[in-house]
């Protein structure tokens, strides 16, 4: 995922568009053409892949985007 999205963008999107406390405060990735293409490619080329496993992996990556982004900012400001 980090080859396709920056952590900064990852802070602004979620798989479903729902953020903390189930509020719709982020942009949904699941409805985009890009996500449909990525999912299709994975399902076609990765043995044993499922829609559920893709959703779980993407959700996990997006969930930690804010932490990675803040760590990156802190590391670069300490220099």
N, C-alpha and C. Protein backbone atom coordinates (compact mmCIF):
# COMPACT_ATOMS: atom_id res chain seq x y z
N UNK A 1 0.82 -1.19 0.00
CA UNK A 1 0.00 0.00 0.00
C UNK A 1 0.86 1.26 0.00
N UNK A 2 2.02 1.18 0.66
CA UNK A 2 2.84 2.39 0.74
C UNK A 2 3.44 2.79 -0.60
N UNK A 3 3.35 1.92 -1.59
CA UNK A 3 3.79 2.29 -2.93
C UNK A 3 2.70 3.06 -3.69
N UNK A 4 1.46 2.94 -3.22
CA UNK A 4 0.34 3.59 -3.89
C UNK A 4 -0.17 4.83 -3.17
N UNK A 5 -0.07 4.84 -1.84
CA UNK A 5 -0.63 5.92 -1.04
C UNK A 5 0.40 6.45 -0.06
N UNK A 6 0.37 7.74 0.19
CA UNK A 6 1.19 8.30 1.26
C UNK A 6 0.45 8.11 2.58
N UNK A 7 1.19 8.14 3.67
CA UNK A 7 0.55 8.05 4.97
C UNK A 7 -0.34 9.26 5.23
N UNK A 8 0.05 10.40 4.68
CA UNK A 8 -0.78 11.61 4.83
C UNK A 8 -2.16 11.38 4.20
N UNK A 9 -2.18 10.82 3.01
CA UNK A 9 -3.47 10.50 2.38
C UNK A 9 -4.19 9.43 3.18
N UNK A 10 -3.44 8.45 3.68
CA UNK A 10 -4.04 7.38 4.48
C UNK A 10 -4.77 7.89 5.71
N UNK A 11 -4.36 9.04 6.22
CA UNK A 11 -5.04 9.65 7.38
C UNK A 11 -6.42 10.18 7.00
N UNK A 12 -6.63 10.46 5.74
CA UNK A 12 -7.85 11.11 5.29
C UNK A 12 -8.88 10.15 4.68
N UNK A 13 -8.50 8.87 4.51
CA UNK A 13 -9.40 7.90 3.92
C UNK A 13 -9.54 6.68 4.82
N UNK A 14 -10.61 5.95 4.61
CA UNK A 14 -10.77 4.65 5.24
C UNK A 14 -11.47 3.75 4.22
N UNK A 15 -11.53 2.48 4.50
CA UNK A 15 -12.14 1.57 3.54
C UNK A 15 -13.59 1.95 3.29
N UNK A 16 -14.32 2.27 4.34
CA UNK A 16 -15.75 2.55 4.21
C UNK A 16 -16.11 4.03 4.29
N UNK A 17 -15.15 4.87 4.66
CA UNK A 17 -15.42 6.30 4.82
C UNK A 17 -15.76 6.67 6.25
N UNK A 18 -15.80 5.69 7.11
CA UNK A 18 -16.11 5.94 8.52
C UNK A 18 -14.82 6.05 9.31
N UNK A 19 -14.79 7.00 10.21
CA UNK A 19 -13.62 7.20 11.05
C UNK A 19 -13.91 6.80 12.47
N UNK A 20 -13.31 7.51 13.39
CA UNK A 20 -13.48 7.24 14.82
C UNK A 20 -14.94 7.37 15.22
N UNK A 21 -15.37 6.52 16.10
CA UNK A 21 -16.74 6.51 16.62
C UNK A 21 -17.77 6.32 15.51
N UNK A 22 -17.35 5.66 14.43
CA UNK A 22 -18.22 5.33 13.31
C UNK A 22 -18.82 6.55 12.62
N UNK A 23 -18.16 7.71 12.76
CA UNK A 23 -18.61 8.93 12.09
C UNK A 23 -18.10 8.92 10.65
N UNK A 24 -18.91 9.43 9.75
CA UNK A 24 -18.52 9.49 8.34
C UNK A 24 -17.69 10.76 8.13
N UNK A 25 -16.42 10.68 8.53
CA UNK A 25 -15.58 11.86 8.44
C UNK A 25 -14.36 11.66 7.54
N UNK A 26 -14.34 10.54 6.82
CA UNK A 26 -13.23 10.27 5.91
C UNK A 26 -13.80 9.92 4.54
N UNK A 27 -12.93 9.93 3.56
CA UNK A 27 -13.33 9.55 2.21
C UNK A 27 -13.28 8.03 2.09
N UNK A 28 -14.29 7.41 1.47
CA UNK A 28 -14.28 5.96 1.32
C UNK A 28 -13.39 5.50 0.17
N UNK A 29 -12.56 4.52 0.43
CA UNK A 29 -11.70 3.95 -0.60
C UNK A 29 -12.43 2.85 -1.36
N UNK A 30 -13.30 2.14 -0.68
CA UNK A 30 -13.95 0.94 -1.22
C UNK A 30 -14.74 1.22 -2.50
N UNK A 31 -15.24 2.42 -2.67
CA UNK A 31 -16.08 2.73 -3.83
C UNK A 31 -15.29 3.27 -5.02
N UNK A 32 -13.98 3.38 -4.89
CA UNK A 32 -13.18 3.96 -5.97
C UNK A 32 -12.80 2.91 -7.01
N UNK A 33 -12.60 3.37 -8.21
CA UNK A 33 -12.16 2.50 -9.30
C UNK A 33 -10.79 1.92 -8.98
N UNK A 34 -9.92 2.72 -8.39
CA UNK A 34 -8.58 2.24 -8.04
C UNK A 34 -8.65 1.03 -7.11
N UNK A 35 -9.49 1.09 -6.09
CA UNK A 35 -9.62 -0.04 -5.17
C UNK A 35 -10.17 -1.27 -5.88
N UNK A 36 -11.11 -1.07 -6.77
CA UNK A 36 -11.68 -2.20 -7.52
C UNK A 36 -10.62 -2.84 -8.41
N UNK A 37 -9.77 -2.03 -9.01
CA UNK A 37 -8.68 -2.56 -9.85
C UNK A 37 -7.68 -3.32 -8.99
N UNK A 38 -7.26 -2.73 -7.89
CA UNK A 38 -6.30 -3.38 -7.00
C UNK A 38 -6.86 -4.71 -6.50
N UNK A 39 -8.10 -4.71 -6.05
CA UNK A 39 -8.72 -5.94 -5.54
C UNK A 39 -8.80 -7.00 -6.63
N UNK A 40 -9.19 -6.60 -7.82
CA UNK A 40 -9.28 -7.54 -8.93
C UNK A 40 -7.94 -8.17 -9.27
N UNK A 41 -6.90 -7.36 -9.30
CA UNK A 41 -5.56 -7.87 -9.60
C UNK A 41 -5.10 -8.85 -8.52
N UNK A 42 -5.33 -8.51 -7.27
CA UNK A 42 -4.94 -9.39 -6.17
C UNK A 42 -5.70 -10.70 -6.24
N UNK A 43 -7.01 -10.64 -6.44
CA UNK A 43 -7.82 -11.86 -6.50
C UNK A 43 -7.40 -12.76 -7.66
N UNK A 44 -6.99 -12.15 -8.75
CA UNK A 44 -6.58 -12.92 -9.93
C UNK A 44 -5.19 -13.53 -9.77
N UNK A 45 -4.29 -12.85 -9.07
CA UNK A 45 -2.89 -13.26 -9.06
C UNK A 45 -2.37 -13.83 -7.75
N UNK A 46 -3.09 -13.70 -6.67
CA UNK A 46 -2.62 -14.19 -5.38
C UNK A 46 -3.48 -15.38 -4.97
N UNK A 47 -2.85 -16.53 -4.94
CA UNK A 47 -3.58 -17.75 -4.59
C UNK A 47 -4.08 -17.66 -3.14
N UNK A 48 -5.34 -17.99 -2.95
CA UNK A 48 -5.93 -17.98 -1.62
C UNK A 48 -6.43 -16.62 -1.17
N UNK A 49 -6.28 -15.60 -2.00
CA UNK A 49 -6.76 -14.27 -1.63
C UNK A 49 -8.28 -14.24 -1.67
N UNK A 50 -8.86 -13.45 -0.80
CA UNK A 50 -10.31 -13.28 -0.78
C UNK A 50 -10.63 -11.81 -0.57
N UNK A 51 -11.86 -11.44 -0.85
CA UNK A 51 -12.28 -10.06 -0.63
C UNK A 51 -12.11 -9.70 0.84
N UNK A 52 -12.44 -10.63 1.72
CA UNK A 52 -12.30 -10.39 3.15
C UNK A 52 -10.85 -10.14 3.54
N UNK A 53 -9.94 -10.95 3.01
CA UNK A 53 -8.52 -10.77 3.37
C UNK A 53 -7.97 -9.45 2.83
N UNK A 54 -8.42 -9.06 1.65
CA UNK A 54 -7.99 -7.78 1.08
C UNK A 54 -8.51 -6.63 1.95
N UNK A 55 -9.79 -6.67 2.28
CA UNK A 55 -10.38 -5.62 3.11
C UNK A 55 -9.68 -5.52 4.46
N UNK A 56 -9.36 -6.66 5.05
CA UNK A 56 -8.70 -6.67 6.35
C UNK A 56 -7.30 -6.05 6.26
N UNK A 57 -6.55 -6.40 5.21
CA UNK A 57 -5.20 -5.86 5.03
C UNK A 57 -5.24 -4.35 4.79
N UNK A 58 -6.14 -3.90 3.95
CA UNK A 58 -6.25 -2.47 3.64
C UNK A 58 -6.68 -1.70 4.89
N UNK A 59 -7.66 -2.22 5.61
CA UNK A 59 -8.12 -1.56 6.83
C UNK A 59 -6.99 -1.43 7.84
N UNK A 60 -6.20 -2.49 7.99
CA UNK A 60 -5.07 -2.45 8.92
C UNK A 60 -4.03 -1.41 8.52
N UNK A 61 -3.73 -1.35 7.23
CA UNK A 61 -2.74 -0.37 6.76
C UNK A 61 -3.25 1.05 7.00
N UNK A 62 -4.51 1.30 6.66
CA UNK A 62 -5.07 2.64 6.84
C UNK A 62 -5.19 3.01 8.31
N UNK A 63 -5.49 2.04 9.14
CA UNK A 63 -5.64 2.28 10.58
C UNK A 63 -4.36 2.86 11.19
N UNK A 64 -3.22 2.43 10.70
CA UNK A 64 -1.94 2.86 11.27
C UNK A 64 -1.26 3.98 10.48
N UNK A 65 -1.93 4.50 9.46
CA UNK A 65 -1.35 5.56 8.63
C UNK A 65 -1.04 6.81 9.45
N UNK A 66 -1.92 7.18 10.35
CA UNK A 66 -1.71 8.38 11.16
C UNK A 66 -0.47 8.24 12.03
N UNK A 67 -0.29 7.07 12.65
CA UNK A 67 0.89 6.84 13.48
C UNK A 67 2.17 6.94 12.66
N UNK A 68 2.17 6.33 11.47
CA UNK A 68 3.36 6.39 10.61
C UNK A 68 3.63 7.81 10.16
N UNK A 69 2.57 8.54 9.81
CA UNK A 69 2.71 9.92 9.36
C UNK A 69 3.29 10.80 10.47
N UNK A 70 2.73 10.68 11.66
CA UNK A 70 3.22 11.49 12.79
C UNK A 70 4.66 11.13 13.15
N UNK A 71 5.02 9.87 13.09
CA UNK A 71 6.39 9.45 13.36
C UNK A 71 7.35 10.03 12.32
N UNK A 72 6.92 10.02 11.06
CA UNK A 72 7.74 10.58 9.98
C UNK A 72 7.95 12.09 10.19
N UNK A 73 6.90 12.80 10.55
CA UNK A 73 7.01 14.25 10.80
C UNK A 73 7.96 14.51 11.96
N UNK A 74 7.81 13.75 13.04
CA UNK A 74 8.66 13.93 14.22
C UNK A 74 10.12 13.65 13.89
N UNK A 75 10.38 12.56 13.18
CA UNK A 75 11.76 12.20 12.83
C UNK A 75 12.40 13.26 11.95
N UNK A 76 11.64 13.84 11.05
CA UNK A 76 12.19 14.86 10.16
C UNK A 76 12.31 16.23 10.81
N UNK A 77 11.54 16.49 11.85
CA UNK A 77 11.65 17.78 12.53
C UNK A 77 12.77 17.77 13.57
N UNK A 78 13.18 16.58 14.02
CA UNK A 78 14.26 16.47 15.00
C UNK A 78 15.64 16.67 14.37
N UNK A 79 15.71 16.62 13.07
CA UNK A 79 17.01 16.70 12.38
C UNK A 79 17.60 18.08 12.41
